Protein backbone atom coordinates (compact mmCIF):
# COMPACT_ATOMS: atom_id res chain seq x y z
CA MET A 1 0.00 0.00 0.00
CA ILE A 2 2.92 2.33 0.71
CA ALA A 3 3.83 2.19 -2.99
CA VAL A 4 0.37 3.56 -3.88
CA TRP A 5 0.78 6.54 -1.57
CA LEU A 6 4.29 7.24 -2.82
CA GLY A 7 2.99 7.06 -6.40
CA LEU A 8 0.27 9.55 -5.52
CA LEU A 9 2.83 11.89 -3.97
CA ALA A 10 5.07 11.68 -7.04
CA ALA A 11 2.13 12.28 -9.40
CA GLY A 12 1.17 15.34 -7.38
CA ALA A 13 4.67 16.76 -7.52
CA VAL A 14 4.82 16.30 -11.31
CA THR A 15 1.35 17.81 -11.82
CA ALA A 16 2.19 20.86 -9.71
CA ALA A 17 5.51 21.33 -11.52
CA LEU A 18 3.79 21.21 -14.92
CA GLY A 19 1.22 23.76 -13.76
CA VAL A 20 3.88 26.15 -12.47
CA GLY A 21 5.89 25.68 -15.67
CA SER A 22 2.90 26.57 -17.87
CA ILE A 23 2.32 29.79 -15.92
CA ILE A 24 5.99 30.80 -16.05
CA ARG A 25 6.14 30.12 -19.79
CA TYR A 26 3.02 32.23 -20.41
CA ARG A 27 4.18 35.15 -18.29
CA SER A 28 7.61 35.26 -19.91
CA ASP A 29 6.16 35.92 -23.37
CA TYR A 30 2.53 36.97 -22.90
CA ARG A 31 0.26 39.04 -20.73
CA THR A 32 -3.49 39.62 -20.53
CA ILE A 33 -5.15 43.03 -20.24
CA ASP A 34 -8.75 44.24 -20.01
CA GLN A 35 -9.78 46.78 -22.62
CA SER A 36 -11.19 49.72 -20.69
CA SER A 37 -12.74 51.85 -23.44
CA ALA A 38 -14.78 51.58 -26.64
CA SER A 39 -11.99 53.02 -28.79
CA MET A 40 -11.12 49.63 -30.31
CA SER A 41 -14.66 48.34 -30.86
CA PRO A 42 -15.86 46.26 -32.60
CA THR A 43 -12.51 44.43 -32.47
CA TYR A 44 -12.29 44.74 -28.67
CA TRP A 45 -15.32 45.91 -26.71
CA PRO A 46 -15.02 47.52 -23.27
CA GLY A 47 -14.20 44.82 -20.73
CA ALA A 48 -12.80 42.45 -23.35
CA GLU A 49 -9.81 40.36 -22.29
CA VAL A 50 -6.95 40.94 -24.73
CA THR A 51 -3.96 38.59 -25.04
CA ILE A 52 -0.71 40.48 -25.64
CA ARG A 53 2.45 38.88 -27.00
CA GLN A 54 5.27 40.85 -25.45
CA VAL A 55 7.54 42.01 -28.28
CA GLY A 56 9.45 45.16 -29.08
CA GLY A 57 8.61 47.77 -31.68
CA SER A 58 10.93 46.24 -34.28
CA ALA A 59 8.53 43.29 -34.60
CA VAL A 60 5.44 45.45 -35.33
CA ARG A 61 3.76 45.08 -38.72
CA ASP A 62 1.17 47.15 -40.62
CA GLY A 63 -2.36 46.75 -39.33
CA GLN A 64 -1.43 45.09 -36.03
CA VAL A 65 -3.08 46.13 -32.79
CA ILE A 66 -0.39 47.14 -30.32
CA LEU A 67 -0.11 47.92 -26.64
CA PHE A 68 2.17 50.91 -26.05
CA SER A 69 3.18 53.41 -23.41
CA VAL A 70 1.69 56.86 -24.00
CA ARG A 71 4.70 58.67 -22.56
CA ASP A 72 5.52 60.12 -25.99
CA TRP A 73 2.31 62.12 -26.08
CA GLY A 74 3.11 63.80 -22.78
CA ALA A 75 -0.33 65.32 -22.24
CA PRO A 76 -1.27 66.14 -18.62
CA GLY A 77 -3.32 63.41 -16.99
CA ILE A 78 -2.32 60.71 -19.47
CA GLY A 79 -0.42 57.70 -18.22
CA GLY A 80 -0.16 53.97 -18.56
CA THR A 81 -0.75 52.20 -21.85
CA TYR A 82 -3.12 52.40 -24.83
CA LEU A 83 -4.35 49.77 -27.26
CA LYS A 84 -4.42 51.04 -30.87
CA ARG A 85 -3.90 49.83 -34.44
CA VAL A 86 -0.79 50.63 -36.47
CA ILE A 87 -1.89 52.59 -39.54
CA ALA A 88 1.48 53.81 -40.85
CA GLN A 89 5.17 53.25 -40.10
CA GLY A 90 8.39 55.17 -40.63
CA GLY A 91 8.70 56.34 -44.23
CA ASP A 92 4.99 55.93 -45.06
CA HIS A 93 3.07 58.86 -46.56
CA LEU A 94 -0.29 59.06 -44.80
CA VAL A 95 -3.23 61.22 -45.81
CA ILE A 96 -6.44 61.40 -43.76
CA HIS A 97 -9.14 63.36 -45.55
CA SER A 98 -11.67 65.58 -43.82
CA ASP A 99 -14.34 62.89 -44.33
CA GLY A 100 -12.22 60.39 -42.34
CA THR A 101 -11.08 58.23 -45.26
CA VAL A 102 -7.43 57.18 -45.29
CA GLU A 103 -4.79 56.94 -48.01
CA LEU A 104 -1.49 55.19 -47.43
CA ASN A 105 1.32 55.78 -49.92
CA GLY A 106 -1.14 57.02 -52.50
CA SER A 107 -3.70 54.19 -52.25
CA PRO A 108 -6.96 53.99 -50.28
CA LEU A 109 -6.42 51.95 -47.10
CA HIS A 110 -8.71 48.91 -46.84
CA GLU A 111 -10.02 48.84 -43.27
CA PRO A 112 -12.52 46.02 -42.71
CA TYR A 113 -11.98 46.24 -38.94
CA LEU A 114 -13.63 49.66 -38.58
CA ARG A 115 -16.78 50.06 -36.53
CA PRO A 116 -19.76 50.22 -38.96
CA GLY A 117 -21.32 53.60 -39.62
CA PRO A 118 -20.33 56.94 -41.16
CA LEU A 119 -17.05 58.51 -40.10
CA ALA A 120 -17.20 61.84 -38.32
CA PRO A 121 -15.57 64.71 -40.24
CA GLY A 122 -12.29 66.05 -38.92
CA ALA A 123 -9.24 68.11 -39.73
CA PRO A 124 -7.31 66.68 -42.70
CA ILE A 125 -3.85 65.25 -42.04
CA ASP A 126 -0.97 64.89 -44.50
CA ILE A 127 2.19 63.42 -42.99
CA THR A 128 5.23 61.37 -43.84
CA VAL A 129 5.86 59.27 -40.74
CA PRO A 130 9.41 59.74 -39.41
CA GLU A 131 11.67 56.71 -39.28
CA GLY A 132 11.43 54.76 -36.06
CA ARG A 133 7.92 55.98 -35.33
CA LEU A 134 4.31 54.78 -35.78
CA PHE A 135 0.99 56.48 -36.51
CA VAL A 136 -1.81 54.72 -34.61
CA MET A 137 -5.60 54.96 -34.55
CA GLY A 138 -8.52 53.19 -32.88
CA ASP A 139 -10.99 51.02 -34.81
CA ASN A 140 -13.83 53.15 -33.45
CA ARG A 141 -12.73 56.25 -35.32
CA ASN A 142 -15.52 58.40 -33.93
CA ASN A 143 -14.48 57.71 -30.34
CA SER A 144 -10.73 57.22 -30.12
CA ASN A 145 -8.03 59.42 -28.61
CA ASP A 146 -5.22 58.62 -31.02
CA SER A 147 -2.48 60.02 -33.27
CA ARG A 148 -4.91 62.22 -35.18
CA TYR A 149 -5.51 64.43 -32.18
CA ARG A 150 -1.89 64.50 -31.07
CA THR A 151 -1.02 66.33 -34.31
CA GLN A 152 -2.88 69.30 -32.82
CA ASN A 153 -0.36 69.68 -29.98
CA GLY A 154 1.75 72.16 -31.93
CA ASP A 155 5.20 70.56 -32.11
CA SER A 156 3.87 66.99 -32.19
CA ASP A 157 3.27 64.94 -35.34
CA GLY A 158 1.04 62.53 -33.41
CA THR A 159 3.34 59.55 -33.86
CA ILE A 160 4.79 57.28 -31.18
CA ALA A 161 8.29 55.83 -30.96
CA ARG A 162 8.72 52.14 -31.70
CA SER A 163 10.49 51.92 -28.36
CA THR A 164 7.19 52.60 -26.55
CA VAL A 165 5.65 49.36 -27.90
CA GLU A 166 5.10 46.74 -25.19
CA GLY A 167 3.47 44.06 -27.34
CA VAL A 168 0.98 43.10 -30.04
CA ALA A 169 -2.54 41.72 -29.59
CA VAL A 170 -2.86 38.08 -30.68
CA ASP A 171 -5.44 35.33 -30.87
CA PRO A 172 -5.59 33.74 -27.39
CA ALA A 173 -5.44 30.31 -29.07
CA SER A 174 -1.89 31.09 -30.22
CA ALA A 175 -0.64 31.60 -26.66
CA PRO A 176 0.62 28.76 -24.45
CA VAL A 177 -2.10 27.22 -22.32
CA ARG A 178 -1.90 28.09 -18.62
CA HIS A 179 -2.84 25.41 -16.10
CA PRO A 180 -3.20 27.17 -12.73
CA GLY A 181 -5.60 24.43 -11.62
CA TRP A 182 -2.84 21.87 -11.98
CA VAL A 183 -0.86 23.61 -9.24
CA MET A 184 -3.60 23.17 -6.65
CA THR A 185 -4.42 19.67 -7.88
CA GLY A 186 -0.78 18.70 -7.56
CA PHE A 187 -0.56 20.31 -4.14
CA TRP A 188 -3.48 18.28 -2.80
CA LEU A 189 -2.15 15.08 -4.36
CA VAL A 190 1.18 15.66 -2.62
CA ILE A 191 -0.62 16.29 0.68
CA ALA A 192 -2.78 13.19 0.23
CA GLY A 193 0.15 11.01 -0.80
CA GLY A 194 2.38 12.23 2.01
CA ALA A 195 -0.35 11.93 4.64
CA GLY A 196 -1.45 8.52 3.37
CA GLY A 197 2.11 7.25 3.32
CA ALA A 198 2.77 8.52 6.85
CA ILE A 199 -0.43 6.96 8.18
CA ASN A 200 0.30 3.68 6.38
CA ALA A 201 3.85 3.57 7.79
CA SER A 202 2.57 4.34 11.30
CA ARG A 203 -0.03 1.56 11.08
CA ALA A 204 2.58 -0.89 9.82
CA LYS A 205 4.85 -0.03 12.75
CA LEU A 206 2.01 -0.51 15.27
CA ARG A 207 1.03 -3.82 13.67
CA ALA A 208 4.62 -5.02 13.83
CA ALA A 209 4.81 -4.03 17.51
CA ARG A 210 1.63 -5.95 18.30
CA LEU A 211 2.88 -9.05 16.50
CA THR A 212 6.22 -8.81 18.30
CA ALA A 213 4.46 -8.50 21.66
CA ALA A 214 2.39 -11.57 20.82
CA GLY A 215 5.52 -13.52 19.97
CA VAL A 216 4.59 -13.85 16.32
CA LEU A 217 7.58 -11.80 15.21
CA PRO A 218 11.05 -11.77 16.78
CA PRO A 219 12.07 -8.53 18.49
CA PRO A 220 14.09 -6.16 16.31
CA ASP A 221 17.89 -6.23 16.57
CA GLU A 222 19.26 -3.58 18.90
CA ASP A 223 22.69 -3.43 17.29
């Protein structure tokens, strides 16, 4: 019977280790955030859980949704991170017309991710994005505090540095699976196996003592 309890203890230790390993692996490359505003709807609604693959700005591609620090914009009261879509990168010529439509390097930008409905009119923008920087906008163009409005800060072109990028949004299915439940399961298996083994050993010792007292077993050597 002792072998059963030891097997249970070993299985618990392995299960807990696998659970901890899955969490460490996830946290080393990924993080999860909650979208707090409607600026990225319908892609991410308020309260949506967003999986972020933690990469630097050099890995960013056109059209990706990125998480970035807003320190570049430097407006009073703004802090933390924003979730926006990359519309243009260093060297791109971007034109946003007063009706909200976008041209990138002379061609209309296809944007199937936009929230349905007419775009609100706004000030036109004509910019060549500086190298090492990104122009970002929300998918809900009528309700997004993004690069368009940072161009109105006088000396700002509304772009952000690639170095402010903290990661890109990805399909949760592409991230490693976390198994936090395995940690607790393994913990309780270890407790059960250890306790069962200890109880079994104690019972075996008592049984041996009774048999020795009855003369069934010889007394143990005292050497």
